[in-house]
Amino acid sequence: MNANWPKPATSSSLLNKSLTLHEKNKINYKLRIYSSQEIDLSDDAIEIKTIDPLIVKGLGFKIFQSDLHSVVNCEKLNDNIINFYLNLLCNSIDSFKAFSIDSILINKILSTDLRGITKCFEKLNNSCYQLIFFPLFIHTNHWSLLIFNTSKKTISFDDSLFKIDLNFVKKITTKLSKYVTSLKSCSDWPVLSSFNYPQQIDNDTDWRVFLCQYAKYHAFNRSFDFTQSDILSKRIEIANEIRKFEINSILQHD
């Protein structure tokens, strides 16, 4: 973990027994996390308890019990989980620097009102990053991921359902090139869109899980080796990474 990042405020003891991450297609609905009280992520517990316990606080985010509940119980992941996970991923990389643009900024970039946008990219402009992730909320209910490789000067567009819309990407990169120093010429970079990444099948709840995995595999420079059938185990993997406040490996899949 990057030593320059502040350590999170977490529960006093996060885990009594580690879950076996190599179990596939199986979710433990009694996933437990420990703090000053025992936390139960089951549906009944969420309905009965009026207080939503804080599980992890760090990187400018707060992750609550209900957030992890959505991860392990096959629900749609909220923006808070996505942005936290991508920031955690960037924080966990030791070999190079990476940055994640907040998902909320896609609305600003696509709007005509760009007041204050320079300040939004202040941190990004204060350092050099090899990878820049940008989660995109598109088609009113869908998510895609743009990845900028500033060393190779390439752009990757990963989407679990739809093929790339080059005009849409061009609109985004043209705006970013005006406000992000390291992306000054990105509107001229080649867009990698071979569509050879894992695809989502027969559901509308896993888009953001795929997005998180796309980012992780790019960060570790690994070829994709997972499919829709692995997504349940990937959800457990994500939950454990969030609780440990570190992403340091990719599980092998047959």
Protein backbone atom coordinates (compact mmCIF):
# COMPACT_ATOMS: atom_id res chain seq x y z
CA MET A 1 0.00 0.00 0.00
CA ASN A 2 1.23 3.49 -0.80
CA ALA A 3 2.78 4.79 2.41
CA ASN A 4 1.82 8.38 1.55
CA TRP A 5 -1.90 7.67 1.88
CA PRO A 6 -3.54 8.11 5.28
CA LYS A 7 -4.58 4.87 6.94
CA PRO A 8 -8.35 4.37 7.23
CA ALA A 9 -10.34 4.39 10.39
CA THR A 10 -11.67 0.84 10.55
CA SER A 11 -13.35 -1.38 13.07
CA SER A 12 -11.11 -2.71 15.85
CA SER A 13 -11.12 -6.21 14.39
CA LEU A 14 -12.39 -6.65 10.84
CA LEU A 15 -12.62 -10.39 10.57
CA ASN A 16 -12.93 -13.36 12.90
CA LYS A 17 -12.36 -15.93 10.22
CA SER A 18 -11.33 -15.21 6.64
CA LEU A 19 -13.73 -16.33 3.94
CA THR A 20 -12.40 -18.78 1.42
CA LEU A 21 -12.14 -16.61 -1.68
CA HIS A 22 -11.57 -19.54 -3.99
CA GLU A 23 -15.14 -20.80 -3.57
CA LYS A 24 -17.02 -20.16 -6.76
CA ASN A 25 -20.70 -19.46 -7.34
CA LYS A 26 -21.35 -19.39 -3.64
CA ILE A 27 -22.16 -16.48 -1.38
CA ASN A 28 -22.08 -16.66 2.37
CA TYR A 29 -25.12 -14.64 3.35
CA LYS A 30 -23.90 -14.60 6.97
CA LEU A 31 -20.70 -12.78 6.05
CA ARG A 32 -19.50 -11.25 9.31
CA ILE A 33 -17.42 -8.21 10.08
CA TYR A 34 -16.35 -7.29 13.58
CA SER A 35 -16.26 -3.92 15.28
CA SER A 36 -17.50 -2.94 18.70
CA GLN A 37 -20.51 -5.04 17.77
CA GLU A 38 -21.01 -8.11 15.62
CA ILE A 39 -22.30 -7.17 12.19
CA ASP A 40 -24.56 -9.44 10.18
CA LEU A 41 -25.07 -8.78 6.46
CA SER A 42 -28.15 -10.96 6.11
CA ASP A 43 -31.39 -9.49 4.77
CA ASP A 44 -33.12 -9.90 8.12
CA ALA A 45 -30.41 -7.98 9.92
CA ILE A 46 -30.64 -5.07 7.49
CA GLU A 47 -34.40 -4.84 7.98
CA ILE A 48 -34.35 -5.14 11.77
CA LYS A 49 -31.49 -2.81 12.65
CA THR A 50 -32.22 0.88 12.50
CA ILE A 51 -28.55 1.85 12.64
CA ASP A 52 -26.33 1.24 9.62
CA PRO A 53 -22.87 0.55 11.13
CA LEU A 54 -19.80 2.17 9.61
CA ILE A 55 -17.40 -0.52 8.39
CA VAL A 56 -14.54 1.41 6.76
CA LYS A 57 -13.65 5.09 6.62
CA GLY A 58 -10.82 6.22 4.37
CA LEU A 59 -9.80 7.91 1.11
CA GLY A 60 -12.60 10.40 1.61
CA PHE A 61 -15.31 7.71 1.71
CA LYS A 62 -17.45 5.97 4.30
CA ILE A 63 -18.52 2.39 3.67
CA PHE A 64 -21.48 1.15 5.70
CA GLN A 65 -22.94 -2.27 6.39
CA SER A 66 -25.66 -1.69 3.78
CA ASP A 67 -22.99 -0.99 1.14
CA LEU A 68 -21.31 -4.35 1.72
CA HIS A 69 -24.72 -5.98 1.88
CA SER A 70 -25.33 -4.87 -1.72
CA VAL A 71 -21.98 -6.33 -2.78
CA VAL A 72 -22.46 -9.85 -1.42
CA ASN A 73 -26.19 -10.14 -2.07
CA CYS A 74 -26.15 -9.74 -5.86
CA GLU A 75 -27.55 -6.21 -5.86
CA LYS A 76 -26.47 -3.24 -7.95
CA LEU A 77 -23.41 -1.57 -6.46
CA ASN A 78 -23.91 2.09 -5.62
CA ASP A 79 -21.67 4.96 -6.70
CA ASN A 80 -20.05 5.08 -3.27
CA ILE A 81 -18.77 1.51 -3.60
CA ILE A 82 -17.52 2.05 -7.16
CA ASN A 83 -15.62 5.24 -6.39
CA PHE A 84 -14.21 3.85 -3.15
CA TYR A 85 -13.10 0.60 -4.81
CA LEU A 86 -11.35 2.37 -7.69
CA ASN A 87 -9.59 4.73 -5.29
CA LEU A 88 -8.60 1.77 -3.13
CA LEU A 89 -7.22 0.05 -6.23
CA CYS A 90 -5.11 3.11 -7.08
CA ASN A 91 -3.92 3.26 -3.47
CA SER A 92 -2.91 -0.41 -3.56
CA ILE A 93 -0.64 -0.19 -6.61
CA ASP A 94 3.06 0.04 -5.73
CA SER A 95 4.78 -0.13 -9.13
CA PHE A 96 3.25 3.02 -10.65
CA LYS A 97 0.79 5.79 -9.88
CA ALA A 98 -2.87 5.55 -10.82
CA PHE A 99 -5.83 7.87 -10.39
CA SER A 100 -9.60 7.47 -10.54
CA ILE A 101 -11.86 10.31 -11.65
CA ASP A 102 -15.05 10.49 -9.61
CA SER A 103 -18.04 9.08 -11.49
CA ILE A 104 -20.11 12.19 -10.76
CA LEU A 105 -17.88 14.26 -13.07
CA ILE A 106 -19.23 12.66 -16.23
CA ASN A 107 -22.35 14.80 -15.81
CA LYS A 108 -20.22 17.93 -15.52
CA ILE A 109 -18.10 17.05 -18.54
CA LEU A 110 -21.11 16.37 -20.74
CA SER A 111 -22.90 19.55 -19.66
CA THR A 112 -22.48 23.06 -21.03
CA ASP A 113 -21.86 24.49 -17.57
CA LEU A 114 -18.17 23.89 -16.89
CA ARG A 115 -17.80 26.34 -14.03
CA GLY A 116 -15.54 24.93 -11.33
CA ILE A 117 -14.34 22.01 -13.44
CA THR A 118 -10.70 23.12 -13.22
CA LYS A 119 -10.81 22.74 -9.44
CA CYS A 120 -12.26 19.24 -9.85
CA PHE A 121 -9.07 18.14 -11.59
CA GLU A 122 -6.66 19.98 -9.30
CA LYS A 123 -5.30 16.83 -7.64
CA LEU A 124 -4.99 15.01 -10.96
CA ASN A 125 -2.98 17.91 -12.37
CA ASN A 126 -0.64 18.06 -9.38
CA SER A 127 1.07 14.75 -10.16
CA CYS A 128 1.84 12.33 -12.99
CA TYR A 129 -0.22 9.14 -13.28
CA GLN A 130 0.36 6.20 -15.60
CA LEU A 131 -3.24 4.95 -15.48
CA ILE A 132 -6.35 7.10 -15.13
CA PHE A 133 -9.70 5.37 -14.60
CA PHE A 134 -12.97 7.09 -15.44
CA PRO A 135 -16.22 5.22 -14.60
CA LEU A 136 -19.02 6.37 -16.89
CA PHE A 137 -22.74 6.31 -16.19
CA ILE A 138 -24.37 6.06 -19.63
CA HIS A 139 -27.60 5.04 -21.37
CA THR A 140 -29.52 6.30 -18.28
CA ASN A 141 -28.92 3.05 -16.37
CA HIS A 142 -25.63 1.52 -17.47
CA TRP A 143 -21.92 1.76 -16.62
CA SER A 144 -18.75 1.63 -18.71
CA LEU A 145 -15.09 2.26 -17.96
CA LEU A 146 -12.55 4.44 -19.73
CA ILE A 147 -8.89 3.77 -18.96
CA PHE A 148 -6.21 6.21 -20.05
CA ASN A 149 -2.65 4.90 -20.26
CA THR A 150 -0.52 8.04 -20.28
CA SER A 151 2.71 6.10 -20.89
CA LYS A 152 1.49 4.28 -23.98
CA LYS A 153 -0.89 7.11 -24.92
CA THR A 154 -3.81 4.76 -25.45
CA ILE A 155 -7.41 4.62 -24.30
CA SER A 156 -9.31 1.46 -23.40
CA PHE A 157 -13.09 1.33 -23.33
CA ASP A 158 -14.59 -1.63 -21.48
CA ASP A 159 -18.32 -2.25 -21.40
CA SER A 160 -20.00 -5.45 -20.23
CA LEU A 161 -22.93 -5.10 -22.66
CA PHE A 162 -22.49 -2.52 -25.40
CA LYS A 163 -19.92 -1.86 -28.07
CA ILE A 164 -18.00 1.37 -28.03
CA ASP A 165 -19.54 4.65 -29.19
CA LEU A 166 -16.51 6.46 -30.60
CA ASN A 167 -18.38 9.76 -30.89
CA PHE A 168 -19.24 9.58 -27.20
CA VAL A 169 -15.63 8.84 -26.27
CA LYS A 170 -14.44 11.68 -28.50
CA LYS A 171 -16.74 14.11 -26.73
CA ILE A 172 -15.31 13.10 -23.34
CA THR A 173 -11.67 13.12 -24.40
CA THR A 174 -12.00 16.51 -26.08
CA LYS A 175 -13.23 18.02 -22.82
CA LEU A 176 -10.63 16.24 -20.68
CA SER A 177 -7.79 17.33 -22.96
CA LYS A 178 -8.61 20.94 -22.11
CA TYR A 179 -8.54 20.54 -18.34
CA VAL A 180 -6.19 17.64 -17.51
CA THR A 181 -2.51 18.30 -18.23
CA SER A 182 -1.50 14.65 -18.69
CA LEU A 183 -4.41 14.13 -21.11
CA LYS A 184 -3.66 17.21 -23.19
CA SER A 185 -3.55 15.27 -26.47
CA CYS A 186 -5.77 12.34 -25.47
CA SER A 187 -8.40 13.18 -28.08
CA ASP A 188 -5.84 11.98 -30.65
CA TRP A 189 -4.90 8.76 -28.83
CA PRO A 190 -6.04 5.43 -30.32
CA VAL A 191 -9.05 3.84 -28.65
CA LEU A 192 -8.66 0.11 -27.99
CA SER A 193 -12.05 -1.43 -28.63
CA SER A 194 -11.51 -5.04 -29.66
CA PHE A 195 -14.47 -6.15 -27.51
CA ASN A 196 -12.45 -9.11 -26.23
CA TYR A 197 -13.20 -8.54 -22.55
CA PRO A 198 -15.66 -10.53 -20.39
CA GLN A 199 -19.32 -9.89 -21.12
CA GLN A 200 -22.36 -9.78 -18.89
CA ILE A 201 -25.12 -12.32 -19.48
CA ASP A 202 -28.83 -12.33 -18.60
CA ASN A 203 -29.03 -9.77 -15.78
CA ASP A 204 -28.97 -6.04 -15.07
CA THR A 205 -27.26 -6.05 -11.68
CA ASP A 206 -23.62 -6.89 -12.42
CA TRP A 207 -22.48 -3.98 -14.60
CA ARG A 208 -20.54 -2.31 -11.81
CA VAL A 209 -18.97 -5.57 -10.64
CA PHE A 210 -17.62 -6.04 -14.17
CA LEU A 211 -16.40 -2.43 -14.14
CA CYS A 212 -14.43 -2.98 -10.93
CA GLN A 213 -12.87 -6.13 -12.36
CA TYR A 214 -11.93 -4.43 -15.63
CA ALA A 215 -10.06 -1.76 -13.64
CA LYS A 216 -8.36 -4.33 -11.43
CA TYR A 217 -7.09 -6.44 -14.32
CA HIS A 218 -5.78 -3.37 -16.13
CA ALA A 219 -4.02 -2.23 -12.96
CA PHE A 220 -2.29 -5.59 -12.52
CA ASN A 221 -1.62 -5.86 -16.28
CA ARG A 222 -3.35 -9.22 -16.40
CA SER A 223 -5.32 -10.85 -19.19
CA PHE A 224 -8.99 -11.30 -18.38
CA ASP A 225 -9.68 -14.83 -17.13
CA PHE A 226 -13.16 -14.50 -15.63
CA THR A 227 -16.68 -14.87 -17.01
CA GLN A 228 -20.21 -14.22 -15.84
CA SER A 229 -20.13 -17.50 -13.90
CA ASP A 230 -17.32 -16.12 -11.72
CA ILE A 231 -19.13 -12.93 -10.71
CA LEU A 232 -20.56 -14.33 -7.48
CA SER A 233 -17.07 -15.16 -6.22
CA LYS A 234 -15.86 -11.79 -7.49
CA ARG A 235 -18.44 -10.09 -5.28
CA ILE A 236 -17.08 -11.92 -2.23
CA GLU A 237 -13.58 -10.97 -3.32
CA ILE A 238 -14.55 -7.29 -3.55
CA ALA A 239 -16.16 -7.35 -0.09
CA ASN A 240 -13.03 -8.84 1.46
CA GLU A 241 -10.76 -6.33 -0.29
CA ILE A 242 -12.85 -3.45 1.02
CA ARG A 243 -12.69 -4.77 4.58
CA LYS A 244 -8.93 -5.35 4.39
CA PHE A 245 -8.47 -1.91 2.79
CA GLU A 246 -6.11 -3.38 0.21
CA ILE A 247 -6.26 -4.95 -3.24
CA ASN A 248 -3.12 -6.98 -3.84
CA SER A 249 -3.93 -10.02 -5.96
CA ILE A 250 -6.16 -11.56 -8.60
CA LEU A 251 -7.63 -15.00 -8.01
CA GLN A 252 -7.11 -17.62 -10.68
CA HIS A 253 -10.13 -18.96 -12.52
CA ASP A 254 -10.40 -22.20 -14.42
